[in-house]
Amino acid sequence: MKTIFGPAGNAVSFTQAGFQATKDAPAWIAAKGLTAYEYQCGRGVRIGSETAGLIGQEAQKHGIQLSLHAPYFINLSTDEAEKKQKNIGYVLESCRAARYMGADRIVVHTGGVGKKRTRDAAMANSRVNVREILAAKEDAGYTDITICLETMGKINVIGTAQEIMELVALDDRLLPCIDFGHLNARTHGEMATREEVAALFDLMEQTIGIERAKIFHSHFSKIEYSKGGEVRHLTFSDEIYGPPFEPIAAETAARGYTPRFICESAGTQAEDAVTMMHIYQNYMKQTG
C-alpha cells in the first residue's frame, strides 16, 4: 500500500469547470495527480445503484480509490432500541452504496454524549452499538467494507483520540478515521506540532498495533474553533487556526505509514489535497 490523497466531495472548481455529475469527478481529480475520493452521504444515502456503479467504473478506470461518508445522523452513544436500529440501517445503506461503487471504507461519526447520560455511559453504549453494527454488517455480507470511526471536533461529542482508539481496539475489522482538524479544534490547538502528532501515532500503535495504525484513514482541513470546539471548516489560506499539515506529513513519512488522506477544506478540497500531497512527497524525499 502507499499513501494516497484526494478530496471529500466535489470542489467549487469542479462545478466552475462545467461539471455537474459526480461520475466525472474521478477523471477530473486524477488529472490533478490525486488517487482518492470520498463520496458524501452525510445527509442520507440518496444514491442509486446505477449512478454508484457509474462512479465506480470511472474510479477504477482512472485509478481512484473510493471511500464513503455515512450519514451524520448516526449516534453510537444511544441506548434507545429504535435509534439503535436506525443506526444499523444507516450503516447498511452506506455499505450497500459503497459496494455498488466499489468503495472499501465507510466513515462513521460517533455522536453526542447527550444531556441525560454521563460520558462513561455514552462510551459504554458506544461499545455495545459498535459490536452490534459490526455483527449486522457481517450478517449482511459486507465483509469487504471497513468501518472507520472518526475523531470529532466538538467537545460534547464522543470522539477524542483516546475514545476512538478504545472503540477501534474492540475489533480488528475497524480502523480509525483520524481527523486532525477535529482533534486540533477540540483541544484548542494541541495538534499543531510534530511532538503532538507523534504522541497520537504512539497511542494508535499502543492500542491497535502498528499494522492497523499505519493504514489509518484520515480527514484533514483547517478548522475554526471556539470554547466548545469545532465551528467551521476553512481553507489552506487560514493563518490563524490550523493545524499545519507539515508535522503530520513529516511524522507519517518518518514512520513509513501509508494512510489515506481525504481533504475536507471548504470548497478548495481538491486543490488543498494536491498541496498536502506535495508536502508529503517532499518529506518522503528527505527520508529517502
Protein backbone atom coordinates (compact mmCIF):
# COMPACT_ATOMS: atom_id res chain seq x y z
CA MET A 1 0.00 0.00 0.00
CA LYS A 2 1.01 3.61 -0.43
CA THR A 3 -0.15 6.94 0.97
CA ILE A 4 -2.90 8.41 -1.18
CA PHE A 5 -4.65 11.77 -1.29
CA GLY A 6 -7.98 13.10 -2.51
CA PRO A 7 -10.98 15.34 -1.77
CA ALA A 8 -14.17 14.80 0.16
CA GLY A 9 -16.92 15.54 -2.33
CA ASN A 10 -16.63 17.98 -5.20
CA ALA A 11 -14.67 21.22 -5.01
CA VAL A 12 -16.10 24.53 -6.16
CA SER A 13 -13.66 24.47 -9.09
CA PHE A 14 -15.19 21.20 -10.30
CA THR A 15 -18.56 22.84 -10.94
CA GLN A 16 -16.91 26.04 -12.17
CA ALA A 17 -15.22 23.90 -14.82
CA GLY A 18 -18.68 22.97 -16.07
CA PHE A 19 -19.08 19.55 -14.48
CA GLN A 20 -22.36 18.59 -12.82
CA ALA A 21 -22.27 14.80 -12.44
CA THR A 22 -20.08 13.11 -9.83
CA LYS A 23 -19.28 10.37 -12.33
CA ASP A 24 -16.95 12.95 -13.91
CA ALA A 25 -15.08 13.52 -10.64
CA PRO A 26 -12.62 10.58 -10.86
CA ALA A 27 -11.16 11.72 -14.20
CA TRP A 28 -11.04 15.34 -13.02
CA ILE A 29 -9.18 14.61 -9.78
CA ALA A 30 -6.91 12.05 -11.44
CA ALA A 31 -5.78 14.80 -13.82
CA LYS A 32 -4.53 16.64 -10.73
CA GLY A 33 -2.43 13.65 -9.69
CA LEU A 34 -4.77 12.61 -6.89
CA THR A 35 -5.71 8.98 -6.27
CA ALA A 36 -8.52 9.01 -3.66
CA TYR A 37 -12.08 10.34 -3.41
CA GLU A 38 -14.64 10.22 -0.62
CA TYR A 39 -18.29 10.21 -1.67
CA GLN A 40 -20.50 12.16 0.72
CA CYS A 41 -23.69 10.67 2.18
CA GLY A 42 -23.70 12.82 5.31
CA ARG A 43 -27.31 13.90 4.83
CA GLY A 44 -28.54 10.48 3.84
CA VAL A 45 -27.76 7.71 1.37
CA ARG A 46 -29.58 9.00 -1.68
CA ILE A 47 -27.54 7.48 -4.47
CA GLY A 48 -28.97 4.70 -6.61
CA SER A 49 -27.18 1.59 -7.77
CA GLU A 50 -26.84 2.77 -11.38
CA THR A 51 -25.22 6.11 -10.51
CA ALA A 52 -22.99 4.47 -7.90
CA GLY A 53 -21.93 1.90 -10.47
CA LEU A 54 -21.01 4.61 -12.98
CA ILE A 55 -18.89 6.42 -10.37
CA GLY A 56 -17.20 3.15 -9.51
CA GLN A 57 -16.43 2.36 -13.14
CA GLU A 58 -14.86 5.77 -13.68
CA ALA A 59 -12.88 5.49 -10.43
CA GLN A 60 -11.47 2.13 -11.46
CA LYS A 61 -10.63 3.45 -14.94
CA HIS A 62 -8.69 6.40 -13.53
CA GLY A 63 -7.01 4.73 -10.55
CA ILE A 64 -9.08 6.39 -7.84
CA GLN A 65 -9.65 4.55 -4.53
CA LEU A 66 -13.12 5.30 -3.18
CA SER A 67 -14.46 5.66 0.34
CA LEU A 68 -17.89 6.84 1.51
CA HIS A 69 -19.00 9.04 4.40
CA ALA A 70 -22.01 7.56 6.22
CA PRO A 71 -24.94 9.78 7.38
CA TYR A 72 -24.30 12.25 10.18
CA PHE A 73 -27.49 11.03 11.91
CA ILE A 74 -25.67 8.06 13.46
CA ASN A 75 -25.28 8.33 17.23
CA LEU A 76 -23.46 5.42 18.81
CA SER A 77 -23.97 6.70 22.36
CA THR A 78 -27.70 5.93 22.38
CA ASP A 79 -29.31 3.11 24.36
CA GLU A 80 -32.75 3.55 22.75
CA ALA A 81 -33.79 0.48 20.75
CA GLU A 82 -35.39 2.43 17.89
CA LYS A 83 -32.36 4.69 17.42
CA LYS A 84 -30.01 1.72 17.58
CA GLN A 85 -31.89 0.06 14.74
CA LYS A 86 -31.78 3.27 12.72
CA ASN A 87 -28.01 3.40 13.25
CA ILE A 88 -27.68 -0.11 11.88
CA GLY A 89 -29.90 0.83 8.93
CA TYR A 90 -27.75 3.86 8.08
CA VAL A 91 -24.60 1.76 8.15
CA LEU A 92 -26.09 -0.99 5.99
CA GLU A 93 -27.40 1.58 3.48
CA SER A 94 -23.89 3.07 3.37
CA CYS A 95 -22.34 -0.35 2.83
CA ARG A 96 -24.80 -1.08 0.03
CA ALA A 97 -23.90 2.15 -1.78
CA ALA A 98 -20.20 1.53 -1.15
CA ARG A 99 -20.50 -1.95 -2.64
CA TYR A 100 -22.18 -0.61 -5.79
CA MET A 101 -19.38 1.90 -6.38
CA GLY A 102 -16.50 -0.29 -5.23
CA ALA A 103 -15.62 1.75 -2.13
CA ASP A 104 -13.77 -0.25 0.51
CA ARG A 105 -14.21 2.04 3.53
CA ILE A 106 -17.09 3.92 5.15
CA VAL A 107 -16.55 6.69 7.70
CA VAL A 108 -18.88 6.78 10.69
CA HIS A 109 -19.43 9.57 13.25
CA THR A 110 -19.82 8.52 16.87
CA GLY A 111 -22.40 11.06 18.05
CA GLY A 112 -23.08 13.30 21.01
CA VAL A 113 -22.98 12.44 24.69
CA GLY A 114 -26.39 13.97 25.39
CA LYS A 115 -27.74 15.75 28.45
CA LYS A 116 -29.22 12.67 30.13
CA ARG A 117 -26.12 10.48 30.35
CA THR A 118 -22.56 10.68 31.58
CA ARG A 119 -19.61 10.40 29.23
CA ASP A 120 -18.80 6.99 30.71
CA ALA A 121 -22.35 5.81 29.99
CA ALA A 122 -22.12 7.17 26.44
CA MET A 123 -18.90 5.24 25.89
CA ALA A 124 -20.42 2.06 27.34
CA ASN A 125 -23.36 2.41 24.93
CA SER A 126 -20.96 3.07 22.07
CA ARG A 127 -19.06 -0.14 22.74
CA VAL A 128 -22.31 -2.12 22.60
CA ASN A 129 -23.50 -0.37 19.44
CA VAL A 130 -20.21 -0.81 17.61
CA ARG A 131 -20.33 -4.56 18.22
CA GLU A 132 -23.98 -4.78 17.11
CA ILE A 133 -23.30 -2.77 13.94
CA LEU A 134 -20.33 -4.99 13.09
CA ALA A 135 -22.45 -8.10 13.56
CA ALA A 136 -25.21 -6.71 11.33
CA LYS A 137 -22.68 -5.73 8.67
CA GLU A 138 -21.18 -9.21 8.67
CA ASP A 139 -24.60 -10.87 8.58
CA ALA A 140 -25.47 -8.75 5.54
CA GLY A 141 -22.34 -9.94 3.75
CA TYR A 142 -20.38 -6.67 3.67
CA THR A 143 -17.17 -8.28 4.88
CA ASP A 144 -15.07 -6.40 2.31
CA ILE A 145 -16.02 -2.95 3.63
CA THR A 146 -14.19 -1.47 6.61
CA ILE A 147 -15.88 0.87 9.11
CA CYS A 148 -13.67 3.81 10.08
CA LEU A 149 -14.70 5.57 13.31
CA GLU A 150 -13.95 9.29 13.22
CA THR A 151 -12.41 11.59 15.79
CA MET A 152 -14.75 14.55 16.31
CA GLY A 153 -14.32 18.31 16.69
CA LYS A 154 -16.92 19.30 19.28
CA ILE A 155 -16.11 18.75 22.94
CA ASN A 156 -19.60 17.47 23.85
CA VAL A 157 -19.32 14.63 21.33
CA ILE A 158 -17.68 11.24 21.76
CA GLY A 159 -14.57 11.41 19.62
CA THR A 160 -11.33 12.20 21.43
CA ALA A 161 -8.31 10.33 20.14
CA GLN A 162 -8.40 8.12 23.25
CA GLU A 163 -12.13 7.37 22.88
CA ILE A 164 -11.88 6.49 19.19
CA MET A 165 -8.87 4.29 19.74
CA GLU A 166 -10.66 2.49 22.58
CA LEU A 167 -13.60 1.78 20.27
CA VAL A 168 -11.44 0.76 17.30
CA ALA A 169 -9.49 -1.60 19.57
CA LEU A 170 -12.70 -3.60 20.14
CA ASP A 171 -12.36 -5.40 16.80
CA ASP A 172 -9.63 -5.93 14.20
CA ARG A 173 -12.13 -5.15 11.43
CA LEU A 174 -12.27 -1.47 12.44
CA LEU A 175 -9.95 1.40 11.52
CA PRO A 176 -9.68 4.90 12.97
CA CYS A 177 -10.52 7.93 10.86
CA ILE A 178 -8.14 10.48 12.34
CA ASP A 179 -9.45 13.96 11.63
CA PHE A 180 -6.53 16.18 12.58
CA GLY A 181 -8.56 19.37 12.25
CA HIS A 182 -11.20 17.97 14.60
CA LEU A 183 -8.59 17.00 17.19
CA ASN A 184 -6.94 20.40 16.92
CA ALA A 185 -10.33 22.10 17.38
CA ARG A 186 -11.45 20.10 20.40
CA THR A 187 -8.07 20.58 22.13
CA HIS A 188 -7.91 24.29 21.21
CA GLY A 189 -4.76 23.98 19.14
CA GLU A 190 -2.96 20.97 20.57
CA MET A 191 -2.46 19.09 17.31
CA ALA A 192 -0.04 21.55 15.78
CA THR A 193 3.44 20.18 16.46
CA ARG A 194 5.33 17.10 15.38
CA GLU A 195 5.58 16.02 19.03
CA GLU A 196 1.79 16.10 19.34
CA VAL A 197 1.39 14.11 16.13
CA ALA A 198 3.99 11.59 17.33
CA ALA A 199 2.12 11.16 20.62
CA LEU A 200 -1.08 10.46 18.69
CA PHE A 201 0.65 7.89 16.49
CA ASP A 202 2.17 6.27 19.60
CA LEU A 203 -1.33 5.98 21.06
CA MET A 204 -2.55 4.33 17.86
CA GLU A 205 0.26 1.79 17.88
CA GLN A 206 -0.22 1.02 21.56
CA THR A 207 -3.97 0.41 21.22
CA ILE A 208 -4.43 -1.26 17.82
CA GLY A 209 -0.91 -2.27 16.81
CA ILE A 210 1.38 -0.89 14.15
CA GLU A 211 -0.12 -2.81 11.21
CA ARG A 212 -3.55 -1.18 11.59
CA ALA A 213 -2.11 2.13 12.74
CA LYS A 214 -0.03 2.56 9.60
CA ILE A 215 -3.05 2.28 7.26
CA PHE A 216 -5.35 4.62 9.16
CA HIS A 217 -8.00 6.64 7.34
CA SER A 218 -7.75 10.40 7.72
CA HIS A 219 -9.60 13.63 7.21
CA PHE A 220 -7.72 16.91 7.16
CA SER A 221 -8.71 20.55 6.98
CA LYS A 222 -8.02 23.71 8.87
CA ILE A 223 -10.91 24.34 11.28
CA GLU A 224 -12.06 27.39 13.20
CA TYR A 225 -12.80 26.61 16.84
CA SER A 226 -14.27 28.22 19.94
CA LYS A 227 -14.71 27.19 23.58
CA GLY A 228 -16.92 24.25 22.56
CA GLY A 229 -14.58 23.05 19.84
CA GLU A 230 -15.24 22.98 16.09
CA VAL A 231 -17.05 25.93 14.49
CA ARG A 232 -16.47 25.58 10.73
CA HIS A 233 -14.10 24.21 8.12
CA LEU A 234 -11.68 26.63 6.50
CA THR A 235 -9.28 26.57 3.53
CA PHE A 236 -5.49 26.48 3.43
CA SER A 237 -5.49 30.28 3.25
CA ASP A 238 -6.21 30.32 7.01
CA GLU A 239 -3.27 31.51 9.09
CA ILE A 240 -4.99 31.59 12.49
CA TYR A 241 -6.49 28.24 13.47
CA GLY A 242 -4.67 25.46 11.64
CA PRO A 243 -3.48 22.83 12.18
CA PRO A 244 -0.50 22.82 9.80
CA PHE A 245 -0.12 19.71 7.66
CA GLU A 246 3.69 19.71 7.71
CA PRO A 247 4.13 17.98 11.12
CA ILE A 248 1.62 15.29 10.09
CA ALA A 249 3.36 14.70 6.78
CA ALA A 250 6.79 14.60 8.42
CA GLU A 251 5.80 12.03 11.05
CA THR A 252 3.84 9.93 8.56
CA ALA A 253 6.82 9.79 6.22
CA ALA A 254 9.28 9.06 9.03
CA ARG A 255 7.27 6.08 10.29
CA GLY A 256 6.56 4.65 6.85
CA TYR A 257 2.82 4.86 7.39
CA THR A 258 0.55 4.53 4.33
CA PRO A 259 -2.73 6.23 5.27
CA ARG A 260 -5.48 7.61 3.05
CA PHE A 261 -5.67 11.39 3.41
CA ILE A 262 -9.02 12.94 2.50
CA CYS A 263 -9.10 16.75 2.39
CA GLU A 264 -12.23 18.44 3.73
CA SER A 265 -11.35 22.09 3.08
CA ALA A 266 -14.36 24.36 2.50
CA GLY A 267 -14.65 24.42 -1.28
CA THR A 268 -10.95 24.06 -2.12
CA GLN A 269 -10.64 20.43 -1.05
CA ALA A 270 -9.17 19.21 -4.35
CA GLU A 271 -6.57 21.98 -4.62
CA ASP A 272 -5.64 21.64 -0.94
CA ALA A 273 -5.35 17.85 -1.33
CA VAL A 274 -2.76 18.48 -4.04
CA THR A 275 -0.86 20.77 -1.67
CA MET A 276 -0.96 18.08 1.02
CA MET A 277 0.37 15.51 -1.44
CA HIS A 278 3.28 17.76 -2.43
CA ILE A 279 4.17 18.48 1.20
CA TYR A 280 4.20 14.76 1.96
CA GLN A 281 6.26 13.95 -1.13
CA ASN A 282 8.89 16.48 -0.07
CA TYR A 283 9.21 14.81 3.33
CA MET A 284 9.42 11.40 1.68
CA LYS A 285 12.38 12.64 -0.38
CA GLN A 286 14.08 13.72 2.84
CA THR A 287 13.61 10.29 4.42
CA GLY A 288 14.68 8.51 1.25
